[in-house]
């Protein structure tokens, strides 16, 4: 990573070109590819031993790969029964505890559903739940950021403003901004221009300040959608997402942090490398223009 680069790119889940299974192998393969991040996809359950977590952590240190965790899909901060809420809490806490042992500091999760309830009511319930869970983790010395993800369907809790407000209100919470989800959630092809990306980054900067802008975590991918929102991930070359304009906005706003790339087979690795290479090219152009202006 050059001194100028501030965003580390990698895949969500093991790169599909990995020759061996397992997270340790995925870390070494990410290094071979020239990627710098890996989001470990514990999306079904968290079944990993402390010994394996130690091996994952050591491999990441050896390979200079930063790690994040995608917690199980079955988390809902607005679960409708005590039993379901207890199970949801346990899944998120398990991902945080094991992720911390594995060397990750960012725990991504889908925050839940409105269940036809007023958004303000759901927000307050989510806020209270995250205050409770972050408090438990702090008491245990588990130093992670819980990162609710922006969601791609209008029925799901997780607009950009909602996850930013949670980040303001709850210490230990930071956003995971899924830019394709925001585009899909609009449902009409909007949220896909430089001006719209810049507006989102201004709102993000207002919520997180400059320090938070250097520690963003986000997802990037192509996406198919309907008027109701997200339908399925697409490879970049089949999608309408204006990712070059988005990457340019990152550079212009001084964004730093980590990016997890999602794409269907067989485009997983190639899309991650394309986004990384495009970012580097745009960053090089920006540096050249800055040097010319100084001359």
Protein backbone atom coordinates (compact mmCIF):
# COMPACT_ATOMS: atom_id res chain seq x y z
CA UNK A 1 0.00 0.00 0.00
CA UNK A 2 1.52 3.31 -1.07
CA UNK A 3 1.70 6.31 1.22
CA UNK A 4 -1.05 7.96 -0.84
CA UNK A 5 -3.51 5.07 -0.67
CA UNK A 6 -5.98 5.23 2.16
CA UNK A 7 -8.55 2.58 1.16
CA UNK A 8 -7.79 -1.13 1.41
CA UNK A 9 -9.80 -3.36 -0.94
CA UNK A 10 -10.75 -7.00 -0.53
CA UNK A 11 -13.56 -9.48 -0.98
CA UNK A 12 -16.52 -10.28 1.24
CA UNK A 13 -15.94 -13.97 1.86
CA UNK A 14 -13.02 -15.93 0.47
CA UNK A 15 -11.97 -14.90 -3.04
CA UNK A 16 -13.60 -17.36 -5.41
CA UNK A 17 -10.23 -18.01 -7.03
CA UNK A 18 -8.78 -19.44 -3.80
CA UNK A 19 -7.41 -22.93 -4.41
CA UNK A 20 -7.94 -24.10 -0.84
CA UNK A 21 -10.84 -23.66 1.57
CA UNK A 22 -10.69 -21.92 4.92
CA UNK A 23 -10.04 -18.41 6.14
CA UNK A 24 -6.29 -18.80 6.58
CA UNK A 25 -5.94 -19.91 2.95
CA UNK A 26 -8.17 -17.00 1.89
CA UNK A 27 -5.86 -14.55 3.66
CA UNK A 28 -2.76 -15.90 1.94
CA UNK A 29 -4.55 -15.93 -1.43
CA UNK A 30 -5.68 -12.32 -0.92
CA UNK A 31 -2.06 -11.39 -0.40
CA UNK A 32 -1.05 -13.25 -3.61
CA UNK A 33 -3.69 -11.28 -5.51
CA UNK A 34 -2.41 -7.97 -4.15
CA UNK A 35 -5.58 -7.27 -2.18
CA UNK A 36 -5.27 -5.77 1.30
CA UNK A 37 -8.47 -6.66 3.15
CA UNK A 38 -10.75 -9.63 3.77
CA UNK A 39 -14.24 -9.65 5.19
CA UNK A 40 -14.78 -13.03 6.82
CA UNK A 41 -18.30 -14.20 6.00
CA UNK A 42 -19.73 -15.89 9.09
CA UNK A 43 -23.14 -15.29 7.58
CA UNK A 44 -24.82 -18.57 8.56
CA UNK A 45 -23.37 -19.11 12.02
CA UNK A 46 -20.26 -18.50 14.13
CA UNK A 47 -18.59 -21.88 14.57
CA UNK A 48 -14.89 -21.29 15.00
CA UNK A 49 -12.57 -22.29 17.81
CA UNK A 50 -10.34 -19.92 19.75
CA UNK A 51 -7.36 -21.81 18.32
CA UNK A 52 -8.51 -21.17 14.76
CA UNK A 53 -9.12 -17.51 15.60
CA UNK A 54 -5.49 -17.27 16.73
CA UNK A 55 -4.34 -18.81 13.44
CA UNK A 56 -6.46 -16.36 11.45
CA UNK A 57 -5.06 -13.43 13.40
CA UNK A 58 -1.46 -14.53 12.87
CA UNK A 59 -2.00 -15.10 9.14
CA UNK A 60 -3.48 -11.62 8.78
CA UNK A 61 -0.52 -10.07 10.60
CA UNK A 62 1.96 -12.04 8.48
CA UNK A 63 0.23 -11.04 5.23
CA UNK A 64 -0.61 -7.45 6.25
CA UNK A 65 -4.30 -8.10 5.56
CA UNK A 66 -6.88 -6.20 7.59
CA UNK A 67 -10.00 -8.12 8.60
CA UNK A 68 -13.68 -7.45 9.16
CA UNK A 69 -16.47 -9.87 10.01
CA UNK A 70 -19.86 -10.20 8.36
CA UNK A 71 -22.06 -11.50 11.17
CA UNK A 72 -24.91 -13.98 10.54
CA UNK A 73 -27.82 -12.82 8.42
CA UNK A 74 -30.29 -13.84 11.13
CA UNK A 75 -29.82 -10.72 13.27
CA UNK A 76 -32.69 -8.31 13.82
CA UNK A 77 -32.52 -5.44 16.28
CA UNK A 78 -36.30 -5.28 16.01
CA UNK A 79 -37.10 -8.96 16.62
CA UNK A 80 -40.74 -9.39 17.54
CA UNK A 81 -40.45 -11.96 20.33
CA UNK A 82 -38.18 -12.30 23.35
CA UNK A 83 -36.91 -15.66 22.08
CA UNK A 84 -35.99 -14.31 18.67
CA UNK A 85 -34.32 -11.26 20.21
CA UNK A 86 -32.24 -13.44 22.52
CA UNK A 87 -31.04 -15.51 19.57
CA UNK A 88 -30.28 -12.37 17.56
CA UNK A 89 -28.25 -10.91 20.44
CA UNK A 90 -26.30 -14.14 20.81
CA UNK A 91 -25.37 -14.21 17.13
CA UNK A 92 -24.07 -10.65 17.09
CA UNK A 93 -22.16 -11.06 20.36
CA UNK A 94 -20.60 -14.32 19.13
CA UNK A 95 -19.45 -12.67 15.90
CA UNK A 96 -17.93 -9.78 17.88
CA UNK A 97 -16.18 -11.98 20.44
CA UNK A 98 -14.72 -14.44 17.94
CA UNK A 99 -13.96 -11.70 15.44
CA UNK A 100 -11.97 -9.83 18.06
CA UNK A 101 -9.97 -12.96 18.83
CA UNK A 102 -9.31 -13.32 15.08
CA UNK A 103 -7.94 -9.79 14.85
CA UNK A 104 -10.96 -8.06 13.32
CA UNK A 105 -12.21 -4.74 14.64
CA UNK A 106 -15.25 -4.21 12.42
CA UNK A 107 -18.36 -6.39 12.80
CA UNK A 108 -20.86 -5.87 9.99
CA UNK A 109 -24.48 -6.95 10.36
CA UNK A 110 -27.91 -6.45 8.83
CA UNK A 111 -29.81 -4.40 11.41
CA UNK A 112 -33.31 -5.76 10.83
CA UNK A 113 -36.81 -5.02 9.57
CA UNK A 114 -39.40 -2.33 10.25
CA UNK A 115 -42.14 -4.99 10.53
CA UNK A 116 -44.56 -2.29 9.30
CA UNK A 117 -43.79 -0.20 12.39
CA UNK A 118 -42.98 3.54 12.32
CA UNK A 119 -39.30 4.11 11.50
CA UNK A 120 -38.87 6.35 14.56
CA UNK A 121 -40.11 3.58 16.83
CA UNK A 122 -37.82 1.01 15.25
CA UNK A 123 -34.87 3.39 15.48
CA UNK A 124 -35.34 3.84 19.21
CA UNK A 125 -35.55 0.10 19.78
CA UNK A 126 -32.41 -0.46 17.70
CA UNK A 127 -30.58 2.29 19.58
CA UNK A 128 -31.46 0.82 22.96
CA UNK A 129 -30.41 -2.65 21.84
CA UNK A 130 -27.05 -1.42 20.58
CA UNK A 131 -26.43 0.51 23.81
CA UNK A 132 -26.99 -2.76 25.66
CA UNK A 133 -24.79 -4.89 23.37
CA UNK A 134 -21.89 -2.44 23.12
CA UNK A 135 -21.97 -2.14 26.91
CA UNK A 136 -21.60 -5.91 27.26
CA UNK A 137 -18.67 -5.97 24.85
CA UNK A 138 -16.91 -3.08 26.59
CA UNK A 139 -17.20 -4.85 29.95
CA UNK A 140 -15.59 -7.91 28.37
CA UNK A 141 -12.77 -5.90 26.78
CA UNK A 142 -13.94 -6.78 23.26
CA UNK A 143 -12.71 -3.70 21.37
CA UNK A 144 -14.71 -3.74 18.13
CA UNK A 145 -17.02 -1.49 16.14
CA UNK A 146 -20.50 -2.85 15.54
CA UNK A 147 -21.36 -1.72 12.02
CA UNK A 148 -25.03 -1.80 10.97
CA UNK A 149 -25.18 -2.01 7.18
CA UNK A 150 -27.25 0.23 4.93
CA UNK A 151 -29.91 -2.01 3.42
CA UNK A 152 -31.17 -2.33 -0.14
CA UNK A 153 -34.92 -2.74 0.41
CA UNK A 154 -37.36 -0.15 1.68
CA UNK A 155 -38.93 -2.66 4.10
CA UNK A 156 -35.62 -3.02 5.93
CA UNK A 157 -34.33 -0.78 8.69
CA UNK A 158 -31.06 0.75 7.54
CA UNK A 159 -31.16 3.98 5.57
CA UNK A 160 -27.97 5.99 5.43
CA UNK A 161 -29.37 8.53 7.88
CA UNK A 162 -30.45 5.79 10.30
CA UNK A 163 -27.05 4.12 10.48
CA UNK A 164 -25.31 7.50 10.73
CA UNK A 165 -27.58 8.55 13.59
CA UNK A 166 -26.86 5.28 15.40
CA UNK A 167 -23.17 6.08 15.01
CA UNK A 168 -23.75 9.48 16.60
CA UNK A 169 -25.85 8.14 19.44
CA UNK A 170 -24.06 4.95 20.48
CA UNK A 171 -20.33 4.73 21.27
CA UNK A 172 -18.86 1.64 19.63
CA UNK A 173 -21.17 1.84 16.61
CA UNK A 174 -19.98 2.89 13.15
CA UNK A 175 -21.70 2.51 9.78
CA UNK A 176 -21.12 -0.04 7.06
CA UNK A 177 -22.18 1.89 3.96
CA UNK A 178 -23.22 -0.45 1.16
CA UNK A 179 -23.25 1.87 -1.83
CA UNK A 180 -24.99 -0.58 -4.13
CA UNK A 181 -27.73 -1.04 -1.53
CA UNK A 182 -28.30 2.72 -1.41
CA UNK A 183 -28.58 2.79 -5.21
CA UNK A 184 -30.98 -0.18 -5.21
CA UNK A 185 -33.08 1.16 -2.34
CA UNK A 186 -33.86 4.28 -4.37
CA UNK A 187 -35.54 1.93 -6.85
CA UNK A 188 -35.53 4.40 -9.72
CA UNK A 189 -31.90 4.47 -10.87
CA UNK A 190 -31.00 7.49 -8.75
CA UNK A 191 -28.27 7.67 -6.10
CA UNK A 192 -25.82 6.97 -8.89
CA UNK A 193 -24.06 10.24 -9.68
CA UNK A 194 -21.03 12.09 -8.37
CA UNK A 195 -23.25 14.80 -6.85
CA UNK A 196 -25.39 12.21 -5.01
CA UNK A 197 -22.32 10.36 -3.74
CA UNK A 198 -20.79 13.66 -2.61
CA UNK A 199 -23.97 14.60 -0.76
CA UNK A 200 -23.91 11.25 1.08
CA UNK A 201 -20.28 11.77 2.02
CA UNK A 202 -21.01 15.27 3.34
CA UNK A 203 -23.72 13.81 5.57
CA UNK A 204 -21.33 11.09 6.65
CA UNK A 205 -18.62 13.63 7.46
CA UNK A 206 -21.07 15.69 9.50
CA UNK A 207 -21.94 12.60 11.55
CA UNK A 208 -18.50 11.04 11.96
CA UNK A 209 -16.14 14.03 11.67
CA UNK A 210 -12.79 13.78 9.94
CA UNK A 211 -11.53 10.96 12.14
CA UNK A 212 -14.51 8.79 11.25
CA UNK A 213 -14.04 9.51 7.54
CA UNK A 214 -10.59 7.94 7.80
CA UNK A 215 -12.08 4.76 9.31
CA UNK A 216 -15.01 4.04 7.02
CA UNK A 217 -15.97 0.52 6.09
CA UNK A 218 -18.16 -0.04 3.07
CA UNK A 219 -19.36 -2.57 0.51
CA UNK A 220 -19.10 -2.16 -3.24
CA UNK A 221 -20.73 -4.19 -6.01
CA UNK A 222 -22.98 -4.10 -9.01
CA UNK A 223 -26.64 -4.70 -8.22
CA UNK A 224 -29.96 -5.50 -9.85
CA UNK A 225 -33.06 -3.88 -8.39
CA UNK A 226 -36.77 -3.20 -8.82
CA UNK A 227 -38.98 -0.39 -7.59
CA UNK A 228 -38.98 -2.15 -4.21
CA UNK A 229 -35.20 -2.23 -4.01
CA UNK A 230 -32.42 -4.82 -4.10
CA UNK A 231 -32.89 -7.95 -6.20
CA UNK A 232 -29.44 -9.53 -6.61
CA UNK A 233 -25.75 -8.70 -6.84
CA UNK A 234 -24.33 -8.29 -10.35
CA UNK A 235 -20.79 -8.13 -11.74
CA UNK A 236 -19.67 -4.59 -12.41
CA UNK A 237 -19.70 -5.05 -16.19
CA UNK A 238 -23.40 -5.98 -16.11
CA UNK A 239 -24.50 -3.29 -13.65
CA UNK A 240 -25.35 0.40 -13.95
CA UNK A 241 -23.46 1.55 -10.84
CA UNK A 242 -21.21 4.51 -11.67
CA UNK A 243 -18.36 3.21 -9.56
CA UNK A 244 -15.70 5.48 -11.10
CA UNK A 245 -17.61 8.55 -9.94
CA UNK A 246 -18.01 6.97 -6.49
CA UNK A 247 -14.29 6.24 -6.22
CA UNK A 248 -13.51 9.80 -7.32
CA UNK A 249 -15.78 11.10 -4.57
CA UNK A 250 -13.87 8.98 -2.05
CA UNK A 251 -10.64 10.62 -3.16
CA UNK A 252 -12.07 14.14 -3.17
CA UNK A 253 -13.45 13.73 0.37
CA UNK A 254 -10.29 12.11 1.75
CA UNK A 255 -12.03 8.83 2.58
CA UNK A 256 -9.94 6.16 4.28
CA UNK A 257 -10.72 2.69 5.56
CA UNK A 258 -11.66 -0.66 4.08
CA UNK A 259 -13.86 -1.84 1.22
CA UNK A 260 -15.45 -5.26 0.86
CA UNK A 261 -16.42 -6.29 -2.67
CA UNK A 262 -19.34 -8.62 -3.38
CA UNK A 263 -19.95 -10.21 -6.78
CA UNK A 264 -21.39 -13.47 -8.12
CA UNK A 265 -19.10 -16.19 -9.48
CA UNK A 266 -16.84 -15.97 -11.38
CA UNK A 267 -16.43 -12.19 -11.02
CA UNK A 268 -15.66 -11.96 -7.29
CA UNK A 269 -11.89 -11.57 -7.53
CA UNK A 270 -11.86 -9.64 -10.78
CA UNK A 271 -14.32 -7.01 -9.52
CA UNK A 272 -12.26 -6.46 -6.37
CA UNK A 273 -9.11 -6.02 -8.44
CA UNK A 274 -10.91 -3.74 -10.92
CA UNK A 275 -12.13 -1.45 -8.14
CA UNK A 276 -8.69 -1.38 -6.51
CA UNK A 277 -6.94 -0.64 -9.82
CA UNK A 278 -9.45 2.07 -10.77
CA UNK A 279 -9.04 3.71 -7.37
CA UNK A 280 -5.26 3.68 -7.75
CA UNK A 281 -5.47 5.16 -11.25
CA UNK A 282 -7.79 7.95 -10.13
CA UNK A 283 -5.62 8.61 -7.09
CA UNK A 284 -2.57 8.85 -9.34
CA UNK A 285 -4.37 11.32 -11.59
CA UNK A 286 -5.33 13.44 -8.58
CA UNK A 287 -1.74 13.42 -7.30
CA UNK A 288 -0.41 14.44 -10.72
CA UNK A 289 -2.87 17.32 -10.94
CA UNK A 290 -1.90 18.48 -7.46
CA UNK A 291 1.79 18.39 -8.39
CA UNK A 292 1.14 20.41 -11.56
CA UNK A 293 -0.78 23.06 -9.60
CA UNK A 294 2.09 23.38 -7.13
CA UNK A 295 4.56 23.88 -9.99
